[in-house]
Amino acid sequence: AFWSLVRTAQGEILPRYGFESSDRGLQELVGSLEPLAQEPDIQLVSDSIGNLLFNAPCEEEVSGHGKLHSEARREVLSLLRAQLAAFGRMEVSQQVEQLKLSAGLSPEESCDEKLPGLAELALSVQTGLLPTFGFEANRRGLSRMICSCAQFLGFA
């Protein structure tokens, strides 16, 4: 079911960016993104999301979020798209760069989620989104959001 969902999303997204809606198109997309995977900001966000997904304690009441499975899945996809857009904004990248400079790192250097101020920055970005998707605009809401997403990725 998970891979079917992934393939459906890929089939819609790949052509929007000039790639075939096929395995070959997916391989071309992945190949074109490989150089970006080494960018410190992208690594940081990716590592932070992975850390949150794998280390968040999930409460049973969050599972399903009171909705039909297919409806909840669509909402999770919308939430993840909104997160991607929010974290991709230029001002967020600039704020991460400022945090790096404040910590004595160059903007090109890689860092991790322990960068002073990063968790607060991430929370400030997410608190603007959380209420839109029915979560509290605080750390508890963030934890519940992560758990809601994790159930569709097989981590909950």
Foldseek 3Di string as FASTA:
>chain_A
DLVVVVLVVLLVPLVVVPFHSDPVSVVVVCVVCVVVCLFQLNVAVVQVLVCLLQPQDEDPCLAVPPDDPVVLVVLLVVLVVLLCVLCPDPVNLVVVQVLCVVVVHHSRDHDYPVRPPNVVSSLVSCLVPQVVSPFHSDPVSVSSSSNSNSVSVVND
